[in-house]
Amino acid sequence: MGAYERLVAEDDDSHDGKLVDAQHRAKRRRLVREKLERLLWILASVALVSFGDGAYNLVTLVLHRYNEARSVSACFLNVHLHLC
């Protein structure tokens, strides 16, 4: 497989639009590749969050800590309002 070389359109019409068509195909291939890469990153992050290291369910752990933090914050706010 050869090295990647970006295609550049020329001003003369000697290529009958072949170069421009090749640019459009290259752009579409790049867009498809980028979308597939994004999808793979999303799937990898979902798998990481879902499975984690197997010791803890990461989603449950994060939600549990969020609820704890929210209840502690509400407690401090309640005490602060009553003391002031």
C-alpha atoms as a PDB file:
ATOM      1  CA  MET A   1       0.000   0.000   0.000  1.00  0.00           C
ATOM      2  CA  GLY A   2       1.501   3.314  -1.046  1.00  0.00           C
ATOM      3  CA  ALA A   3       1.875   6.422   1.030  1.00  0.00           C
ATOM      4  CA  TYR A   4      -1.148   8.641   1.377  1.00  0.00           C
ATOM      5  CA  GLU A   5      -1.079  11.691  -0.861  1.00  0.00           C
ATOM      6  CA  ARG A   6      -3.771  14.341  -0.698  1.00  0.00           C
ATOM      7  CA  LEU A   7      -5.338  15.065  -4.072  1.00  0.00           C
ATOM      8  CA  VAL A   8      -5.341  18.653  -5.296  1.00  0.00           C
ATOM      9  CA  ALA A   9      -7.496  19.848  -8.182  1.00  0.00           C
ATOM     10  CA  GLU A  10      -5.780  21.670 -11.002  1.00  0.00           C
ATOM     11  CA  ASP A  11      -7.201  24.553 -12.991  1.00  0.00           C
ATOM     12  CA  ASP A  12      -6.784  23.018 -16.448  1.00  0.00           C
ATOM     13  CA  ASP A  13      -9.460  20.712 -17.878  1.00  0.00           C
ATOM     14  CA  SER A  14      -7.019  18.077 -19.146  1.00  0.00           C
ATOM     15  CA  HIS A  15      -8.238  15.452 -16.667  1.00  0.00           C
ATOM     16  CA  ASP A  16     -11.931  15.619 -17.647  1.00  0.00           C
ATOM     17  CA  GLY A  17     -13.034  15.792 -14.018  1.00  0.00           C
ATOM     18  CA  LYS A  18     -11.356  12.537 -12.978  1.00  0.00           C
ATOM     19  CA  LEU A  19      -9.267  14.321 -10.389  1.00  0.00           C
ATOM     20  CA  VAL A  20     -12.263  16.102  -8.915  1.00  0.00           C
ATOM     21  CA  ASP A  21     -14.193  12.814  -8.784  1.00  0.00           C
ATOM     22  CA  ALA A  22     -11.250  11.182  -7.040  1.00  0.00           C
ATOM     23  CA  GLN A  23     -11.246  14.014  -4.499  1.00  0.00           C
ATOM     24  CA  HIS A  24     -14.945  13.517  -3.805  1.00  0.00           C
ATOM     25  CA  ARG A  25     -14.447   9.777  -3.369  1.00  0.00           C
ATOM     26  CA  ALA A  26     -11.501  10.383  -1.048  1.00  0.00           C
ATOM     27  CA  LYS A  27     -13.564  12.840   0.998  1.00  0.00           C
ATOM     28  CA  ARG A  28     -16.442  10.350   1.307  1.00  0.00           C
ATOM     29  CA  ARG A  29     -14.043   7.572   2.342  1.00  0.00           C
ATOM     30  CA  ARG A  30     -12.518   9.859   4.972  1.00  0.00           C
ATOM     31  CA  LEU A  31     -15.946  10.804   6.337  1.00  0.00           C
ATOM     32  CA  VAL A  32     -17.015   7.153   6.537  1.00  0.00           C
ATOM     33  CA  ARG A  33     -13.748   6.207   8.246  1.00  0.00           C
ATOM     34  CA  GLU A  34     -14.152   9.042  10.785  1.00  0.00           C
ATOM     35  CA  LYS A  35     -17.729   8.002  11.550  1.00  0.00           C
ATOM     36  CA  LEU A  36     -16.664   4.389  12.049  1.00  0.00           C
ATOM     37  CA  GLU A  37     -13.840   5.490  14.346  1.00  0.00           C
ATOM     38  CA  ARG A  38     -16.264   7.575  16.409  1.00  0.00           C
ATOM     39  CA  LEU A  39     -18.659   4.648  16.651  1.00  0.00           C
ATOM     40  CA  LEU A  40     -15.848   2.342  17.778  1.00  0.00           C
ATOM     41  CA  TRP A  41     -14.740   4.834  20.466  1.00  0.00           C
ATOM     42  CA  ILE A  42     -18.328   5.105  21.724  1.00  0.00           C
ATOM     43  CA  LEU A  43     -18.705   1.316  21.814  1.00  0.00           C
ATOM     44  CA  ALA A  44     -15.356   0.972  23.596  1.00  0.00           C
ATOM     45  CA  SER A  45     -16.349   3.529  26.234  1.00  0.00           C
ATOM     46  CA  VAL A  46     -19.728   1.854  26.763  1.00  0.00           C
ATOM     47  CA  ALA A  47     -17.991  -1.512  27.148  1.00  0.00           C
ATOM     48  CA  LEU A  48     -15.504  -0.016  29.595  1.00  0.00           C
ATOM     49  CA  VAL A  49     -18.237   1.548  31.707  1.00  0.00           C
ATOM     50  CA  SER A  50     -20.457  -1.530  31.540  1.00  0.00           C
ATOM     51  CA  PHE A  51     -17.886  -4.197  32.280  1.00  0.00           C
ATOM     52  CA  GLY A  52     -15.117  -2.265  34.023  1.00  0.00           C
ATOM     53  CA  ASP A  53     -12.774  -4.548  35.909  1.00  0.00           C
ATOM     54  CA  GLY A  54     -15.585  -6.876  36.938  1.00  0.00           C
ATOM     55  CA  ALA A  55     -15.337  -5.999  40.621  1.00  0.00           C
ATOM     56  CA  TYR A  56     -17.861  -3.151  40.558  1.00  0.00           C
ATOM     57  CA  ASN A  57     -20.652  -2.086  38.280  1.00  0.00           C
ATOM     58  CA  LEU A  58     -19.332   1.348  37.342  1.00  0.00           C
ATOM     59  CA  VAL A  59     -22.732   2.814  36.447  1.00  0.00           C
ATOM     60  CA  THR A  60     -24.245   1.817  39.795  1.00  0.00           C
ATOM     61  CA  LEU A  61     -21.170   3.033  41.655  1.00  0.00           C
ATOM     62  CA  VAL A  62     -21.226   6.456  39.984  1.00  0.00           C
ATOM     63  CA  LEU A  63     -24.966   6.908  40.533  1.00  0.00           C
ATOM     64  CA  HIS A  64     -24.681   5.786  44.153  1.00  0.00           C
ATOM     65  CA  ARG A  65     -21.861   8.253  44.825  1.00  0.00           C
ATOM     66  CA  TYR A  66     -23.805  11.013  43.070  1.00  0.00           C
ATOM     67  CA  ASN A  67     -26.824  10.364  45.291  1.00  0.00           C
ATOM     68  CA  GLU A  68     -24.585  10.339  48.377  1.00  0.00           C
ATOM     69  CA  ALA A  69     -22.921  13.579  47.363  1.00  0.00           C
ATOM     70  CA  ARG A  70     -26.288  15.170  46.675  1.00  0.00           C
ATOM     71  CA  SER A  71     -27.687  14.109  50.054  1.00  0.00           C
ATOM     72  CA  VAL A  72     -24.553  15.340  51.878  1.00  0.00           C
ATOM     73  CA  SER A  73     -24.751  18.670  50.042  1.00  0.00           C
ATOM     74  CA  ALA A  74     -28.446  18.981  50.915  1.00  0.00           C
ATOM     75  CA  CYS A  75     -27.639  18.211  54.550  1.00  0.00           C
ATOM     76  CA  PHE A  76     -24.955  20.911  54.720  1.00  0.00           C
ATOM     77  CA  LEU A  77     -27.241  23.409  52.998  1.00  0.00           C
ATOM     78  CA  ASN A  78     -30.033  22.597  55.441  1.00  0.00           C
ATOM     79  CA  VAL A  79     -27.740  23.044  58.466  1.00  0.00           C
ATOM     80  CA  HIS A  80     -26.357  26.275  57.043  1.00  0.00           C
ATOM     81  CA  LEU A  81     -29.838  27.703  56.477  1.00  0.00           C
ATOM     82  CA  HIS A  82     -30.949  26.811  59.996  1.00  0.00           C
ATOM     83  CA  LEU A  83     -27.880  28.272  61.657  1.00  0.00           C
ATOM     84  CA  CYS A  84     -27.902  31.558  59.776  1.00  0.00           C
END
